[in-house]
Every structure is written in C-alpha cells, then in structure tokens.
PDB file of all heavy atoms in Angstrom:
ATOM      1  N   ARG A   1       0.825  -1.187  -0.003  1.00  0.00           N
ATOM      2  CA  ARG A   1       0.017   0.012   0.009  1.00  0.00           C
ATOM      3  C   ARG A   1       0.879   1.252   0.000  1.00  0.00           C
ATOM      4  O   ARG A   1       0.604   2.215  -0.733  1.00  0.00           O
ATOM      5  CB  ARG A   1      -0.926  -0.012   1.204  1.00  0.00           C
ATOM      6  CG  ARG A   1      -1.773   1.216   1.454  1.00  0.00           C
ATOM      7  CD  ARG A   1      -2.609   1.723   0.306  1.00  0.00           C
ATOM      8  NE  ARG A   1      -3.404   0.708  -0.338  1.00  0.00           N
ATOM      9  CZ  ARG A   1      -3.922   0.786  -1.579  1.00  0.00           C
ATOM     10  NH1 ARG A   1      -3.696   1.870  -2.309  1.00  0.00           N
ATOM     11  NH2 ARG A   1      -4.599  -0.181  -2.082  1.00  0.00           N
ATOM     12  N   GLN A   2       1.932   1.274   0.779  1.00  0.00           N
ATOM     13  CA  GLN A   2       2.856   2.416   0.857  1.00  0.00           C
ATOM     14  C   GLN A   2       3.446   2.663  -0.532  1.00  0.00           C
ATOM     15  O   GLN A   2       3.553   3.783  -1.002  1.00  0.00           O
ATOM     16  CB  GLN A   2       3.944   2.199   1.869  1.00  0.00           C
ATOM     17  CG  GLN A   2       4.945   3.347   1.917  1.00  0.00           C
ATOM     18  CD  GLN A   2       6.115   3.059   2.843  1.00  0.00           C
ATOM     19  OE1 GLN A   2       6.149   2.071   3.588  1.00  0.00           O
ATOM     20  NE2 GLN A   2       7.088   3.928   2.801  1.00  0.00           N
ATOM     21  N   THR A   3       3.852   1.593  -1.166  1.00  0.00           N
ATOM     22  CA  THR A   3       4.486   1.695  -2.492  1.00  0.00           C
ATOM     23  C   THR A   3       3.485   2.331  -3.474  1.00  0.00           C
ATOM     24  O   THR A   3       3.862   3.243  -4.235  1.00  0.00           O
ATOM     25  CB  THR A   3       4.884   0.294  -3.011  1.00  0.00           C
ATOM     26  OG1 THR A   3       5.833  -0.271  -2.058  1.00  0.00           O
ATOM     27  CG2 THR A   3       5.553   0.349  -4.387  1.00  0.00           C
ATOM     28  N   LEU A   4       2.256   1.904  -3.476  1.00  0.00           N
ATOM     29  CA  LEU A   4       1.208   2.470  -4.342  1.00  0.00           C
ATOM     30  C   LEU A   4       0.914   3.934  -3.937  1.00  0.00           C
ATOM     31  O   LEU A   4       0.829   4.801  -4.810  1.00  0.00           O
ATOM     32  CB  LEU A   4      -0.065   1.647  -4.289  1.00  0.00           C
ATOM     33  CG  LEU A   4      -0.006   0.279  -4.948  1.00  0.00           C
ATOM     34  CD1 LEU A   4      -1.233  -0.522  -4.593  1.00  0.00           C
ATOM     35  CD2 LEU A   4       0.123   0.469  -6.471  1.00  0.00           C
ATOM     36  N   ASP A   5       0.796   4.156  -2.664  1.00  0.00           N
ATOM     37  CA  ASP A   5       0.458   5.521  -2.168  1.00  0.00           C
ATOM     38  C   ASP A   5       1.523   6.532  -2.548  1.00  0.00           C
ATOM     39  O   ASP A   5       1.220   7.744  -2.692  1.00  0.00           O
ATOM     40  CB  ASP A   5       0.248   5.527  -0.678  1.00  0.00           C
ATOM     41  CG  ASP A   5      -1.044   4.843  -0.242  1.00  0.00           C
ATOM     42  OD1 ASP A   5      -1.898   4.584  -1.095  1.00  0.00           O
ATOM     43  OD2 ASP A   5      -1.175   4.565   0.982  1.00  0.00           O
ATOM     44  N   GLU A   6       2.776   6.103  -2.671  1.00  0.00           N
ATOM     45  CA  GLU A   6       3.854   6.971  -3.076  1.00  0.00           C
ATOM     46  C   GLU A   6       3.970   7.161  -4.567  1.00  0.00           C
ATOM     47  O   GLU A   6       4.890   7.820  -5.031  1.00  0.00           O
ATOM     48  CB  GLU A   6       5.153   6.513  -2.432  1.00  0.00           C
ATOM     49  CG  GLU A   6       5.127   6.659  -0.946  1.00  0.00           C
ATOM     50  CD  GLU A   6       6.452   6.362  -0.255  1.00  0.00           C
ATOM     51  OE1 GLU A   6       7.528   6.332  -0.929  1.00  0.00           O
ATOM     52  OE2 GLU A   6       6.451   6.160   1.005  1.00  0.00           O
ATOM     53  N   GLY A   7       3.011   6.589  -5.289  1.00  0.00           N
ATOM     54  CA  GLY A   7       2.963   6.840  -6.734  1.00  0.00           C
ATOM     55  C   GLY A   7       3.663   5.868  -7.614  1.00  0.00           C
ATOM     56  O   GLY A   7       3.824   6.122  -8.836  1.00  0.00           O
ATOM     57  N   HIS A   8       4.111   4.764  -7.092  1.00  0.00           N
ATOM     58  CA  HIS A   8       4.808   3.768  -7.874  1.00  0.00           C
ATOM     59  C   HIS A   8       3.823   2.793  -8.515  1.00  0.00           C
ATOM     60  O   HIS A   8       2.707   2.615  -8.037  1.00  0.00           O
ATOM     61  CB  HIS A   8       5.822   3.027  -6.998  1.00  0.00           C
ATOM     62  CG  HIS A   8       6.774   3.946  -6.319  1.00  0.00           C
ATOM     63  ND1 HIS A   8       7.789   4.597  -6.988  1.00  0.00           N
ATOM     64  CD2 HIS A   8       6.856   4.371  -5.033  1.00  0.00           C
ATOM     65  CE1 HIS A   8       8.475   5.356  -6.151  1.00  0.00           C
ATOM     66  NE2 HIS A   8       7.906   5.221  -4.908  1.00  0.00           N
ATOM     67  N   GLU A   9       4.289   2.115  -9.533  1.00  0.00           N
ATOM     68  CA  GLU A   9       3.497   1.096 -10.199  1.00  0.00           C
ATOM     69  C   GLU A   9       3.867  -0.287  -9.624  1.00  0.00           C
ATOM     70  O   GLU A   9       4.995  -0.455  -9.136  1.00  0.00           O
ATOM     71  CB  GLU A   9       3.789   1.078 -11.719  1.00  0.00           C
ATOM     72  CG  GLU A   9       3.342   2.318 -12.434  1.00  0.00           C
ATOM     73  CD  GLU A   9       1.864   2.514 -12.525  1.00  0.00           C
ATOM     74  OE1 GLU A   9       1.147   1.443 -12.622  1.00  0.00           O
ATOM     75  OE2 GLU A   9       1.406   3.646 -12.498  1.00  0.00           O
ATOM     76  N   ILE A  10       2.908  -1.185  -9.662  1.00  0.00           N
ATOM     77  CA  ILE A  10       3.129  -2.549  -9.196  1.00  0.00           C
ATOM     78  C   ILE A  10       2.915  -3.498 -10.342  1.00  0.00           C
ATOM     79  O   ILE A  10       1.925  -3.411 -11.040  1.00  0.00           O
ATOM     80  CB  ILE A  10       2.124  -2.932  -8.053  1.00  0.00           C
ATOM     81  CG1 ILE A  10       2.264  -1.973  -6.873  1.00  0.00           C
ATOM     82  CG2 ILE A  10       2.248  -4.376  -7.637  1.00  0.00           C
ATOM     83  CD1 ILE A  10       3.360  -2.301  -5.897  1.00  0.00           C
ATOM     84  N   GLY A  11       3.847  -4.429 -10.523  1.00  0.00           N
ATOM     85  CA  GLY A  11       3.757  -5.451 -11.527  1.00  0.00           C
ATOM     86  C   GLY A  11       3.758  -6.816 -10.863  1.00  0.00           C
ATOM     87  O   GLY A  11       4.204  -6.961  -9.739  1.00  0.00           O
ATOM     88  N   VAL A  12       3.200  -7.794 -11.554  1.00  0.00           N
ATOM     89  CA  VAL A  12       3.095  -9.163 -11.056  1.00  0.00           C
ATOM     90  C   VAL A  12       4.343  -9.967 -11.407  1.00  0.00           C
ATOM     91  O   VAL A  12       4.754 -10.005 -12.575  1.00  0.00           O
ATOM     92  CB  VAL A  12       1.836  -9.851 -11.646  1.00  0.00           C
ATOM     93  CG1 VAL A  12       1.794 -11.326 -11.276  1.00  0.00           C
ATOM     94  CG2 VAL A  12       0.603  -9.108 -11.187  1.00  0.00           C
ATOM     95  N   HIS A  13       4.926 -10.582 -10.395  1.00  0.00           N
ATOM     96  CA  HIS A  13       6.133 -11.443 -10.625  1.00  0.00           C
ATOM     97  C   HIS A  13       5.872 -12.810 -10.006  1.00  0.00           C
ATOM     98  O   HIS A  13       6.670 -13.355  -9.286  1.00  0.00           O
ATOM     99  CB  HIS A  13       7.306 -10.759  -9.949  1.00  0.00           C
ATOM    100  CG  HIS A  13       8.633 -11.421 -10.212  1.00  0.00           C
ATOM    101  ND1 HIS A  13       8.934 -12.063 -11.422  1.00  0.00           N
ATOM    102  CD2 HIS A  13       9.738 -11.532  -9.478  1.00  0.00           C
ATOM    103  CE1 HIS A  13      10.160 -12.501 -11.341  1.00  0.00           C
ATOM    104  NE2 HIS A  13      10.677 -12.210 -10.178  1.00  0.00           N
ATOM    105  N   THR A  14       4.741 -13.390 -10.325  1.00  0.00           N
ATOM    106  CA  THR A  14       4.298 -14.714  -9.890  1.00  0.00           C
ATOM    107  C   THR A  14       3.995 -14.699  -8.382  1.00  0.00           C
ATOM    108  O   THR A  14       4.260 -13.719  -7.694  1.00  0.00           O
ATOM    109  CB  THR A  14       5.259 -15.845 -10.226  1.00  0.00           C
ATOM    110  OG1 THR A  14       6.417 -15.790  -9.447  1.00  0.00           O
ATOM    111  CG2 THR A  14       5.594 -15.849 -11.708  1.00  0.00           C
ATOM    112  N   PHE A  15       3.456 -15.818  -7.900  1.00  0.00           N
ATOM    113  CA  PHE A  15       3.124 -15.921  -6.482  1.00  0.00           C
ATOM    114  C   PHE A  15       4.221 -16.602  -5.722  1.00  0.00           C
ATOM    115  O   PHE A  15       4.547 -16.191  -4.581  1.00  0.00           O
ATOM    116  CB  PHE A  15       1.808 -16.700  -6.267  1.00  0.00           C
ATOM    117  CG  PHE A  15       1.258 -16.578  -4.896  1.00  0.00           C
ATOM    118  CD1 PHE A  15       0.578 -15.393  -4.476  1.00  0.00           C
ATOM    119  CD2 PHE A  15       1.456 -17.555  -3.948  1.00  0.00           C
ATOM    120  CE1 PHE A  15       0.119 -15.257  -3.189  1.00  0.00           C
ATOM    121  CE2 PHE A  15       0.984 -17.421  -2.660  1.00  0.00           C
ATOM    122  CZ  PHE A  15       0.310 -16.265  -2.279  1.00  0.00           C
ATOM    123  N   THR A  16       4.860 -17.620  -6.305  1.00  0.00           N
ATOM    124  CA  THR A  16       5.906 -18.366  -5.600  1.00  0.00           C
ATOM    125  C   THR A  16       7.262 -18.205  -6.221  1.00  0.00           C
ATOM    126  O   THR A  16       8.177 -18.939  -5.864  1.00  0.00           O
ATOM    127  CB  THR A  16       5.520 -19.885  -5.568  1.00  0.00           C
ATOM    128  OG1 THR A  16       5.558 -20.382  -6.903  1.00  0.00           O
ATOM    129  CG2 THR A  16       4.210 -20.142  -4.923  1.00  0.00           C
ATOM    130  N   HIS A  17       7.402 -17.296  -7.146  1.00  0.00           N
ATOM    131  CA  HIS A  17       8.661 -17.095  -7.884  1.00  0.00           C
ATOM    132  C   HIS A  17       8.987 -18.262  -8.797  1.00  0.00           C
ATOM    133  O   HIS A  17      10.106 -18.616  -9.074  1.00  0.00           O
ATOM    134  CB  HIS A  17       9.817 -16.814  -6.953  1.00  0.00           C
ATOM    135  CG  HIS A  17      10.921 -16.050  -7.617  1.00  0.00           C
ATOM    136  ND1 HIS A  17      11.902 -16.664  -8.333  1.00  0.00           N
ATOM    137  CD2 HIS A  17      11.183 -14.714  -7.671  1.00  0.00           C
ATOM    138  CE1 HIS A  17      12.749 -15.749  -8.823  1.00  0.00           C
ATOM    139  NE2 HIS A  17      12.306 -14.553  -8.440  1.00  0.00           N
ATOM    140  N   ALA A  18       7.926 -18.872  -9.332  1.00  0.00           N
ATOM    141  CA  ALA A  18       8.080 -20.013 -10.273  1.00  0.00           C
ATOM    142  C   ALA A  18       8.719 -19.536 -11.576  1.00  0.00           C
ATOM    143  O   ALA A  18       8.445 -18.409 -11.992  1.00  0.00           O
ATOM    144  CB  ALA A  18       6.757 -20.647 -10.540  1.00  0.00           C
ATOM    145  N   ASP A  19       9.455 -20.399 -12.234  1.00  0.00           N
ATOM    146  CA  ASP A  19      10.015 -20.134 -13.542  1.00  0.00           C
ATOM    147  C   ASP A  19       8.941 -20.465 -14.563  1.00  0.00           C
ATOM    148  O   ASP A  19       8.683 -21.636 -14.837  1.00  0.00           O
ATOM    149  CB  ASP A  19      11.257 -20.973 -13.770  1.00  0.00           C
ATOM    150  CG  ASP A  19      11.891 -20.727 -15.135  1.00  0.00           C
ATOM    151  OD1 ASP A  19      11.301 -20.028 -15.984  1.00  0.00           O
ATOM    152  OD2 ASP A  19      12.993 -21.251 -15.354  1.00  0.00           O
ATOM    153  N   LEU A  20       8.270 -19.462 -15.098  1.00  0.00           N
ATOM    154  CA  LEU A  20       7.137 -19.685 -15.958  1.00  0.00           C
ATOM    155  C   LEU A  20       7.520 -20.358 -17.276  1.00  0.00           C
ATOM    156  O   LEU A  20       6.636 -20.900 -17.952  1.00  0.00           O
ATOM    157  CB  LEU A  20       6.412 -18.356 -16.207  1.00  0.00           C
ATOM    158  CG  LEU A  20       5.865 -17.644 -15.007  1.00  0.00           C
ATOM    159  CD1 LEU A  20       5.108 -16.378 -15.450  1.00  0.00           C
ATOM    160  CD2 LEU A  20       4.952 -18.542 -14.210  1.00  0.00           C
ATOM    161  N   ALA A  21       8.787 -20.378 -17.626  1.00  0.00           N
ATOM    162  CA  ALA A  21       9.212 -21.079 -18.813  1.00  0.00           C
ATOM    163  C   ALA A  21       9.191 -22.589 -18.651  1.00  0.00           C
ATOM    164  O   ALA A  21       9.269 -23.321 -19.640  1.00  0.00           O
ATOM    165  CB  ALA A  21      10.604 -20.619 -19.210  1.00  0.00           C
ATOM    166  N   THR A  22       9.075 -23.058 -17.397  1.00  0.00           N
ATOM    167  CA  THR A  22       9.200 -24.474 -17.155  1.00  0.00           C
ATOM    168  C   THR A  22       7.917 -25.108 -16.606  1.00  0.00           C
ATOM    169  O   THR A  22       7.942 -26.299 -16.258  1.00  0.00           O
ATOM    170  CB  THR A  22      10.352 -24.752 -16.178  1.00  0.00           C
ATOM    171  OG1 THR A  22      10.014 -24.159 -14.908  1.00  0.00           O
ATOM    172  CG2 THR A  22      11.673 -24.225 -16.710  1.00  0.00           C
ATOM    173  N   VAL A  23       6.823 -24.370 -16.508  1.00  0.00           N
ATOM    174  CA  VAL A  23       5.605 -24.921 -15.936  1.00  0.00           C
ATOM    175  C   VAL A  23       4.477 -24.869 -16.978  1.00  0.00           C
ATOM    176  O   VAL A  23       4.537 -24.111 -17.953  1.00  0.00           O
ATOM    177  CB  VAL A  23       5.179 -24.137 -14.681  1.00  0.00           C
ATOM    178  CG1 VAL A  23       6.245 -24.277 -13.589  1.00  0.00           C
ATOM    179  CG2 VAL A  23       4.922 -22.683 -14.945  1.00  0.00           C
ATOM    180  N   ASP A  24       3.450 -25.671 -16.774  1.00  0.00           N
ATOM    181  CA  ASP A  24       2.362 -25.735 -17.713  1.00  0.00           C
ATOM    182  C   ASP A  24       1.427 -24.521 -17.544  1.00  0.00           C
ATOM    183  O   ASP A  24       1.535 -23.761 -16.604  1.00  0.00           O
ATOM    184  CB  ASP A  24       1.548 -27.048 -17.615  1.00  0.00           C
ATOM    185  CG  ASP A  24       0.829 -27.215 -16.281  1.00  0.00           C
ATOM    186  OD1 ASP A  24       0.322 -26.194 -15.744  1.00  0.00           O
ATOM    187  OD2 ASP A  24       0.719 -28.353 -15.804  1.00  0.00           O
ATOM    188  N   HIS A  25       0.505 -24.337 -18.548  1.00  0.00           N
ATOM    189  CA  HIS A  25      -0.294 -23.143 -18.595  1.00  0.00           C
ATOM    190  C   HIS A  25      -1.215 -23.012 -17.338  1.00  0.00           C
ATOM    191  O   HIS A  25      -1.502 -21.917 -16.930  1.00  0.00           O
ATOM    192  CB  HIS A  25      -1.099 -23.102 -19.865  1.00  0.00           C
ATOM    193  CG  HIS A  25      -2.231 -24.084 -19.957  1.00  0.00           C
ATOM    194  ND1 HIS A  25      -2.022 -25.376 -20.283  1.00  0.00           N
ATOM    195  CD2 HIS A  25      -3.546 -23.936 -19.709  1.00  0.00           C
ATOM    196  CE1 HIS A  25      -3.200 -26.015 -20.249  1.00  0.00           C
ATOM    197  NE2 HIS A  25      -4.125 -25.191 -19.891  1.00  0.00           N
ATOM    198  N   ARG A  26      -1.661 -24.145 -16.787  1.00  0.00           N
ATOM    199  CA  ARG A  26      -2.499 -24.053 -15.557  1.00  0.00           C
ATOM    200  C   ARG A  26      -1.718 -23.459 -14.412  1.00  0.00           C
ATOM    201  O   ARG A  26      -2.266 -22.644 -13.650  1.00  0.00           O
ATOM    202  CB  ARG A  26      -3.047 -25.428 -15.216  1.00  0.00           C
ATOM    203  CG  ARG A  26      -4.119 -25.919 -16.159  1.00  0.00           C
ATOM    204  CD  ARG A  26      -4.513 -27.285 -15.884  1.00  0.00           C
ATOM    205  NE  ARG A  26      -3.315 -28.120 -16.272  1.00  0.00           N
ATOM    206  CZ  ARG A  26      -3.172 -29.367 -16.071  1.00  0.00           C
ATOM    207  NH1 ARG A  26      -4.091 -30.090 -15.471  1.00  0.00           N
ATOM    208  NH2 ARG A  26      -2.093 -30.010 -16.479  1.00  0.00           N
ATOM    209  N   ARG A  27      -0.480 -23.837 -14.273  1.00  0.00           N
ATOM    210  CA  ARG A  27       0.369 -23.258 -13.217  1.00  0.00           C
ATOM    211  C   ARG A  27       0.616 -21.791 -13.432  1.00  0.00           C
ATOM    212  O   ARG A  27       0.601 -20.976 -12.505  1.00  0.00           O
ATOM    213  CB  ARG A  27       1.675 -24.066 -13.114  1.00  0.00           C
ATOM    214  CG  ARG A  27       2.668 -23.486 -12.142  1.00  0.00           C
ATOM    215  CD  ARG A  27       2.402 -23.828 -10.691  1.00  0.00           C
ATOM    216  NE  ARG A  27       3.333 -23.208  -9.803  1.00  0.00           N
ATOM    217  CZ  ARG A  27       4.476 -23.735  -9.364  1.00  0.00           C
ATOM    218  NH1 ARG A  27       4.890 -24.882  -9.835  1.00  0.00           N
ATOM    219  NH2 ARG A  27       5.254 -23.126  -8.542  1.00  0.00           N
ATOM    220  N   ILE A  28       0.853 -21.450 -14.687  1.00  0.00           N
ATOM    221  CA  ILE A  28       1.066 -20.030 -15.023  1.00  0.00           C
ATOM    222  C   ILE A  28      -0.182 -19.210 -14.623  1.00  0.00           C
ATOM    223  O   ILE A  28      -0.067 -18.159 -13.982  1.00  0.00           O
ATOM    224  CB  ILE A  28       1.379 -19.834 -16.507  1.00  0.00           C
ATOM    225  CG1 ILE A  28       2.756 -20.444 -16.807  1.00  0.00           C
ATOM    226  CG2 ILE A  28       1.344 -18.338 -16.917  1.00  0.00           C
ATOM    227  CD1 ILE A  28       3.083 -20.534 -18.295  1.00  0.00           C
ATOM    228  N   ASP A  29      -1.335 -19.683 -15.052  1.00  0.00           N
ATOM    229  CA  ASP A  29      -2.599 -18.964 -14.719  1.00  0.00           C
ATOM    230  C   ASP A  29      -2.787 -18.885 -13.235  1.00  0.00           C
ATOM    231  O   ASP A  29      -3.178 -17.796 -12.719  1.00  0.00           O
ATOM    232  CB  ASP A  29      -3.812 -19.714 -15.328  1.00  0.00           C
ATOM    233  CG  ASP A  29      -3.913 -19.611 -16.815  1.00  0.00           C
ATOM    234  OD1 ASP A  29      -3.211 -18.756 -17.394  1.00  0.00           O
ATOM    235  OD2 ASP A  29      -4.626 -20.408 -17.420  1.00  0.00           O
ATOM    236  N   ALA A  30      -2.481 -19.947 -12.492  1.00  0.00           N
ATOM    237  CA  ALA A  30      -2.596 -19.914 -11.036  1.00  0.00           C
ATOM    238  C   ALA A  30      -1.644 -18.920 -10.408  1.00  0.00           C
ATOM    239  O   ALA A  30      -2.039 -18.126  -9.541  1.00  0.00           O
ATOM    240  CB  ALA A  30      -2.375 -21.279 -10.461  1.00  0.00           C
ATOM    241  N   GLU A  31      -0.374 -18.927 -10.836  1.00  0.00           N
ATOM    242  CA  GLU A  31       0.629 -18.023 -10.289  1.00  0.00           C
ATOM    243  C   GLU A  31       0.211 -16.558 -10.478  1.00  0.00           C
ATOM    244  O   GLU A  31       0.297 -15.759  -9.534  1.00  0.00           O
ATOM    245  CB  GLU A  31       1.969 -18.286 -10.964  1.00  0.00           C
ATOM    246  CG  GLU A  31       2.666 -19.549 -10.600  1.00  0.00           C
ATOM    247  CD  GLU A  31       3.309 -19.499  -9.222  1.00  0.00           C
ATOM    248  OE1 GLU A  31       3.618 -18.407  -8.695  1.00  0.00           O
ATOM    249  OE2 GLU A  31       3.547 -20.587  -8.708  1.00  0.00           O
ATOM    250  N   LEU A  32      -0.260 -16.244 -11.657  1.00  0.00           N
ATOM    251  CA  LEU A  32      -0.609 -14.825 -11.940  1.00  0.00           C
ATOM    252  C   LEU A  32      -1.941 -14.501 -11.220  1.00  0.00           C
ATOM    253  O   LEU A  32      -2.081 -13.371 -10.692  1.00  0.00           O
ATOM    254  CB  LEU A  32      -0.724 -14.625 -13.438  1.00  0.00           C
ATOM    255  CG  LEU A  32       0.563 -14.862 -14.194  1.00  0.00           C
ATOM    256  CD1 LEU A  32       0.376 -14.686 -15.682  1.00  0.00           C
ATOM    257  CD2 LEU A  32       1.700 -13.991 -13.689  1.00  0.00           C
TER     258      LEU A  32
END
C-alpha cells in the first residue's frame, strides 16, 4: 500500500517465484 500511495506502479512477478518457462499453462494462470 505504501508503494502504491507513493505513486509507484506494481507489476506481477508470480506468487511463488516459479520459472514460468518451465511450468504448464494451468500453473502459469494460477501463479498470476
């Protein structure tokens, strides 16, 4: 919240730091 309140943008970098190049599409969808 502080990061957003100070005007910064937030991007998604998975939930568990999974390597998306090595997992199936269901795992990618779940992570995001």
